[in-house]
């Protein structure tokens, strides 16, 4: 059963518009639905100007810069289609997301150089969240590829397998391979991203195992300096070399967003299915934490 979408989903179309309005003048009347759709269409077109994966001889799903940005772009375009009804980019989204799917887990061999030298759990996670979005919003599955749900589950299963109890009693490392510079870091976007994916899978499938993992990740994050349960500040990272006792003090909006969205999905899951035995979730625990520059907060 597909549950009603949390209202914060509308904010993602707003973010697309804000990004475009910041860089170029777009006519927008927020009281007029068609004006909002037209402005979103202009913003989506501007974003797609950076994408050559739909051109002859190019690689579907690939943007000029880092690999994860393709997943973030497709996730935005799926939401754009859902809220506006404009399916202009759906075929390109489907082709790109299937091309980059790897072995049903977004660990593709055509990005082997990047995966072996700069891959973070967060990079893979953006593609997993895009697949989860496609499943939730019912982007049509393809007959000759992986289902969107199986792709989201593939990312989840791979990352749960990387849960590291040898240091700091748990947590995902930022980067995957021991020779990478960020291997000693356990960061918020990787753990918050997995928390959100687990929460969304719980909500979508009503499988308690996903919910249990979501709670486990949240509790671990609060046991180290990533997530403060007194101020609700979300730090960027912590370091296994000092036992995860200190934090990287920079705070970024997408770290907050990962945990906020996951908490909202858990609240929705618990409320809809009348789940007992786990806490009553509310995203207010984070929004009460005063997300402002006085706490070193930075926009990303």
Protein backbone atom coordinates (compact mmCIF):
# COMPACT_ATOMS: atom_id res chain seq x y z
CA UNK A 1 0.00 0.00 0.00
CA UNK A 2 1.28 3.46 -0.89
CA UNK A 3 0.75 5.98 1.86
CA UNK A 4 -0.10 9.67 1.39
CA UNK A 5 3.00 11.72 0.74
CA UNK A 6 4.21 13.99 3.53
CA UNK A 7 3.47 17.62 2.73
CA UNK A 8 7.13 18.59 2.81
CA UNK A 9 7.42 16.97 -0.63
CA UNK A 10 6.11 20.20 -2.14
CA UNK A 11 9.17 21.98 -0.82
CA UNK A 12 11.36 20.11 -3.30
CA UNK A 13 9.65 21.80 -6.24
CA UNK A 14 10.13 25.04 -4.33
CA UNK A 15 13.84 24.34 -3.98
CA UNK A 16 14.13 23.82 -7.73
CA UNK A 17 12.44 27.17 -8.29
CA UNK A 18 14.55 28.97 -5.69
CA UNK A 19 17.74 27.73 -7.29
CA UNK A 20 16.63 28.98 -10.68
CA UNK A 21 15.29 32.29 -9.38
CA UNK A 22 18.60 32.90 -7.63
CA UNK A 23 20.53 32.70 -10.91
CA UNK A 24 18.08 34.10 -13.48
CA UNK A 25 14.87 36.10 -13.54
CA UNK A 26 11.81 33.86 -13.89
CA UNK A 27 8.30 35.22 -13.71
CA UNK A 28 6.47 33.64 -10.78
CA UNK A 29 3.15 34.24 -9.08
CA UNK A 30 3.00 31.94 -6.06
CA UNK A 31 -0.79 32.32 -5.88
CA UNK A 32 -1.26 30.97 -9.41
CA UNK A 33 -0.82 27.22 -10.03
CA UNK A 34 -0.04 27.59 -13.73
CA UNK A 35 2.58 30.24 -13.01
CA UNK A 36 4.28 27.89 -10.57
CA UNK A 37 4.24 25.07 -13.13
CA UNK A 38 5.60 27.35 -15.86
CA UNK A 39 8.41 28.57 -13.62
CA UNK A 40 9.25 24.99 -12.62
CA UNK A 41 9.32 24.03 -16.31
CA UNK A 42 11.78 26.82 -17.04
CA UNK A 43 13.96 25.75 -14.12
CA UNK A 44 13.89 22.09 -15.19
CA UNK A 45 14.84 23.03 -18.74
CA UNK A 46 17.74 25.10 -17.43
CA UNK A 47 18.95 22.20 -15.33
CA UNK A 48 18.80 19.80 -18.27
CA UNK A 49 21.02 22.07 -20.33
CA UNK A 50 23.92 20.67 -18.27
CA UNK A 51 23.05 17.08 -19.19
CA UNK A 52 24.55 15.45 -22.28
CA UNK A 53 23.71 11.86 -21.39
CA UNK A 54 20.84 11.90 -23.88
CA UNK A 55 23.14 12.75 -26.81
CA UNK A 56 24.70 10.31 -29.27
CA UNK A 57 28.00 8.91 -28.01
CA UNK A 58 27.47 10.13 -24.43
CA UNK A 59 26.84 8.11 -21.25
CA UNK A 60 23.25 8.07 -19.96
CA UNK A 61 22.97 9.26 -16.37
CA UNK A 62 26.31 11.08 -16.40
CA UNK A 63 26.72 14.76 -15.61
CA UNK A 64 30.03 16.56 -16.28
CA UNK A 65 31.05 16.60 -12.63
CA UNK A 66 30.70 14.05 -9.83
CA UNK A 67 28.62 10.90 -10.28
CA UNK A 68 26.16 11.46 -7.43
CA UNK A 69 24.80 14.64 -9.03
CA UNK A 70 23.03 12.55 -11.67
CA UNK A 71 21.01 10.79 -8.98
CA UNK A 72 20.10 14.09 -7.35
CA UNK A 73 19.03 15.53 -10.72
CA UNK A 74 16.84 12.56 -11.60
CA UNK A 75 15.24 12.59 -8.15
CA UNK A 76 14.30 16.24 -8.71
CA UNK A 77 12.91 15.53 -12.19
CA UNK A 78 10.75 12.68 -10.88
CA UNK A 79 9.26 15.03 -8.31
CA UNK A 80 8.85 17.71 -10.99
CA UNK A 81 6.84 15.27 -13.12
CA UNK A 82 4.72 14.17 -10.15
CA UNK A 83 3.72 17.66 -9.08
CA UNK A 84 3.33 19.30 -12.50
CA UNK A 85 2.14 16.42 -14.67
CA UNK A 86 4.83 17.24 -17.24
CA UNK A 87 6.41 13.97 -18.40
CA UNK A 88 8.86 15.61 -20.82
CA UNK A 89 11.93 14.19 -19.09
CA UNK A 90 10.58 10.83 -17.91
CA UNK A 91 12.18 8.77 -20.68
CA UNK A 92 15.57 10.37 -20.06
CA UNK A 93 15.21 9.79 -16.33
CA UNK A 94 14.34 6.13 -16.84
CA UNK A 95 17.15 5.47 -19.32
CA UNK A 96 19.75 7.23 -17.15
CA UNK A 97 18.72 5.52 -13.92
CA UNK A 98 18.68 2.08 -15.52
CA UNK A 99 22.02 2.65 -17.27
CA UNK A 100 23.73 3.50 -13.99
CA UNK A 101 22.03 0.71 -12.01
CA UNK A 102 24.98 -1.70 -11.89
CA UNK A 103 23.97 -5.06 -10.43
CA UNK A 104 20.68 -3.75 -9.02
CA UNK A 105 22.50 -1.62 -6.44
CA UNK A 106 23.90 1.52 -8.10
CA UNK A 107 27.46 0.32 -7.96
CA UNK A 108 28.10 0.43 -11.72
CA UNK A 109 31.25 -0.82 -13.40
CA UNK A 110 31.22 2.08 -15.87
CA UNK A 111 32.16 4.33 -12.96
CA UNK A 112 34.81 1.96 -11.66
CA UNK A 113 37.58 4.58 -11.61
CA UNK A 114 35.46 7.00 -9.61
CA UNK A 115 34.11 4.26 -7.35
CA UNK A 116 37.61 3.05 -6.51
CA UNK A 117 39.20 6.46 -5.90
CA UNK A 118 36.54 8.81 -4.61
CA UNK A 119 33.40 6.84 -3.83
CA UNK A 120 31.50 7.67 -0.68
CA UNK A 121 28.48 5.94 0.75
CA UNK A 122 26.66 9.22 0.25
CA UNK A 123 27.33 9.12 -3.53
CA UNK A 124 25.60 5.76 -3.86
CA UNK A 125 22.87 6.88 -1.48
CA UNK A 126 21.67 9.71 -3.73
CA UNK A 127 20.90 7.17 -6.44
CA UNK A 128 19.15 4.91 -3.94
CA UNK A 129 16.96 7.80 -2.80
CA UNK A 130 16.17 8.62 -6.43
CA UNK A 131 15.03 5.02 -6.98
CA UNK A 132 12.96 5.17 -3.79
CA UNK A 133 11.33 8.36 -5.05
CA UNK A 134 10.54 6.67 -8.37
CA UNK A 135 8.88 3.78 -6.54
CA UNK A 136 6.88 6.04 -4.22
CA UNK A 137 5.66 8.32 -7.00
CA UNK A 138 4.96 5.40 -9.35
CA UNK A 139 7.29 6.22 -12.18
CA UNK A 140 6.52 3.29 -14.50
CA UNK A 141 8.88 0.33 -14.10
CA UNK A 142 10.61 -0.96 -17.21
CA UNK A 143 10.02 -4.44 -18.61
CA UNK A 144 13.68 -5.10 -19.38
CA UNK A 145 15.43 -3.76 -16.29
CA UNK A 146 15.29 -3.48 -12.51
CA UNK A 147 12.26 -2.26 -10.61
CA UNK A 148 12.68 1.02 -8.75
CA UNK A 149 11.93 -0.70 -5.45
CA UNK A 150 14.55 -3.40 -6.02
CA UNK A 151 17.14 -0.73 -6.81
CA UNK A 152 16.37 1.13 -3.57
CA UNK A 153 16.54 -2.15 -1.67
CA UNK A 154 19.82 -3.03 -3.40
CA UNK A 155 21.45 0.17 -2.17
CA UNK A 156 20.03 -0.35 1.32
CA UNK A 157 21.27 -3.95 1.51
CA UNK A 158 24.74 -3.02 0.30
CA UNK A 159 25.08 -0.16 2.77
CA UNK A 160 23.71 -2.09 5.74
CA UNK A 161 26.40 -4.62 4.92
CA UNK A 162 28.97 -1.86 5.41
CA UNK A 163 27.71 -0.95 8.89
CA UNK A 164 30.95 -0.86 10.86
CA UNK A 165 30.87 -2.10 14.46
CA UNK A 166 34.66 -2.40 14.69
CA UNK A 167 34.91 1.33 15.48
CA UNK A 168 32.59 3.61 17.45
CA UNK A 169 30.08 0.78 18.02
CA UNK A 170 28.55 1.24 14.60
CA UNK A 171 27.95 3.73 11.85
CA UNK A 172 28.73 4.09 8.17
CA UNK A 173 32.09 5.46 7.13
CA UNK A 174 32.05 8.31 4.65
CA UNK A 175 34.24 6.64 2.04
CA UNK A 176 34.21 2.94 1.26
CA UNK A 177 37.81 1.89 0.74
CA UNK A 178 40.54 1.93 3.41
CA UNK A 179 42.99 3.81 1.17
CA UNK A 180 40.63 6.75 0.69
CA UNK A 181 41.25 9.97 2.62
CA UNK A 182 37.73 10.00 4.09
CA UNK A 183 37.73 6.38 5.29
CA UNK A 184 38.37 7.44 8.90
CA UNK A 185 35.30 9.69 8.90
CA UNK A 186 31.76 8.72 9.79
CA UNK A 187 29.55 11.50 8.52
CA UNK A 188 25.98 12.71 8.74
CA UNK A 189 24.99 12.59 5.09
CA UNK A 190 25.96 8.92 4.76
CA UNK A 191 24.28 7.84 8.01
CA UNK A 192 21.38 10.27 7.66
CA UNK A 193 20.86 9.13 4.08
CA UNK A 194 20.70 5.47 5.12
CA UNK A 195 18.38 6.41 7.99
CA UNK A 196 16.06 8.14 5.53
CA UNK A 197 16.16 5.27 3.03
CA UNK A 198 15.37 2.73 5.77
CA UNK A 199 12.47 4.88 6.99
CA UNK A 200 11.06 5.22 3.49
CA UNK A 201 11.36 1.50 2.82
CA UNK A 202 9.55 0.82 6.10
CA UNK A 203 6.78 3.18 5.10
CA UNK A 204 6.51 1.78 1.58
CA UNK A 205 6.66 -1.93 2.42
CA UNK A 206 5.42 -2.05 6.04
CA UNK A 207 8.42 -4.25 6.79
CA UNK A 208 9.44 -3.82 10.44
CA UNK A 209 13.08 -4.71 9.73
CA UNK A 210 13.55 -1.44 7.87
CA UNK A 211 12.00 0.50 10.75
CA UNK A 212 14.27 -1.24 13.25
CA UNK A 213 17.30 -0.25 11.20
CA UNK A 214 16.07 3.32 10.97
CA UNK A 215 15.84 3.49 14.76
CA UNK A 216 19.25 1.87 15.09
CA UNK A 217 20.88 4.44 12.81
CA UNK A 218 19.16 7.36 14.56
CA UNK A 219 20.18 6.10 18.00
CA UNK A 220 23.77 5.54 16.90
CA UNK A 221 23.92 9.04 15.39
CA UNK A 222 22.74 10.45 18.72
CA UNK A 223 25.31 8.38 20.62
CA UNK A 224 28.18 10.12 18.83
CA UNK A 225 28.59 13.84 18.15
CA UNK A 226 26.74 13.75 14.81
CA UNK A 227 23.29 14.37 16.29
CA UNK A 228 22.85 16.28 19.53
CA UNK A 229 19.74 15.29 21.47
CA UNK A 230 20.00 18.42 23.61
CA UNK A 231 20.35 21.13 20.94
CA UNK A 232 19.37 19.01 17.90
CA UNK A 233 22.33 20.35 16.01
CA UNK A 234 23.57 18.03 13.26
CA UNK A 235 27.35 18.06 12.85
CA UNK A 236 28.96 17.18 9.55
CA UNK A 237 31.24 14.34 10.66
CA UNK A 238 33.16 12.55 13.37
CA UNK A 239 36.47 10.65 13.30
CA UNK A 240 37.08 7.00 14.14
CA UNK A 241 40.71 7.72 15.04
CA UNK A 242 39.57 9.42 18.25
CA UNK A 243 36.72 7.02 18.93
CA UNK A 244 34.09 9.32 17.44
CA UNK A 245 34.34 11.65 20.43
CA UNK A 246 34.74 14.90 18.48
CA UNK A 247 32.85 16.43 15.59
CA UNK A 248 33.45 18.39 12.44
CA UNK A 249 31.78 21.62 13.48
CA UNK A 250 30.42 22.73 10.10
CA UNK A 251 26.68 22.23 9.76
CA UNK A 252 25.10 21.89 6.33
CA UNK A 253 21.46 22.00 5.31
CA UNK A 254 21.47 18.66 3.53
CA UNK A 255 22.60 16.91 6.70
CA UNK A 256 19.60 18.34 8.52
CA UNK A 257 17.40 17.50 5.55
CA UNK A 258 18.42 13.84 5.56
CA UNK A 259 17.48 13.37 9.23
CA UNK A 260 14.41 15.62 9.09
CA UNK A 261 12.94 13.77 6.13
CA UNK A 262 13.70 10.39 7.68
CA UNK A 263 12.01 11.41 10.93
CA UNK A 264 8.96 12.63 9.00
CA UNK A 265 8.73 9.34 7.10
CA UNK A 266 9.02 7.40 10.36
CA UNK A 267 6.25 9.51 11.88
CA UNK A 268 4.09 8.83 8.83
CA UNK A 269 4.86 5.10 8.95
CA UNK A 270 4.11 4.76 12.66
CA UNK A 271 0.93 6.84 12.45
CA UNK A 272 -0.54 5.12 9.38
CA UNK A 273 0.18 1.55 10.36
CA UNK A 274 -0.51 2.16 14.08
CA UNK A 275 2.84 0.56 14.86
CA UNK A 276 3.51 -0.21 18.50
CA UNK A 277 6.78 -0.88 20.24
CA UNK A 278 8.76 1.96 18.68
CA UNK A 279 8.87 5.62 19.58
CA UNK A 280 6.34 8.13 18.38
CA UNK A 281 8.39 9.96 15.80
CA UNK A 282 8.25 13.68 15.20
CA UNK A 283 10.46 15.88 13.07
CA UNK A 284 10.02 18.71 15.57
CA UNK A 285 12.93 17.38 17.59
CA UNK A 286 15.21 18.75 14.90
CA UNK A 287 13.26 21.85 13.90
CA UNK A 288 13.24 22.97 17.53
CA UNK A 289 17.03 23.14 17.35
CA UNK A 290 17.21 26.64 15.85
CA UNK A 291 18.76 26.15 12.45
CA UNK A 292 20.59 29.43 12.12
CA UNK A 293 24.05 30.96 11.75
CA UNK A 294 24.47 31.35 15.51
CA UNK A 295 25.04 27.59 15.55
CA UNK A 296 27.55 27.65 12.71
CA UNK A 297 24.82 26.72 10.23
CA UNK A 298 25.74 26.89 6.53
CA UNK A 299 23.59 26.55 3.44
CA UNK A 300 24.46 23.77 1.01
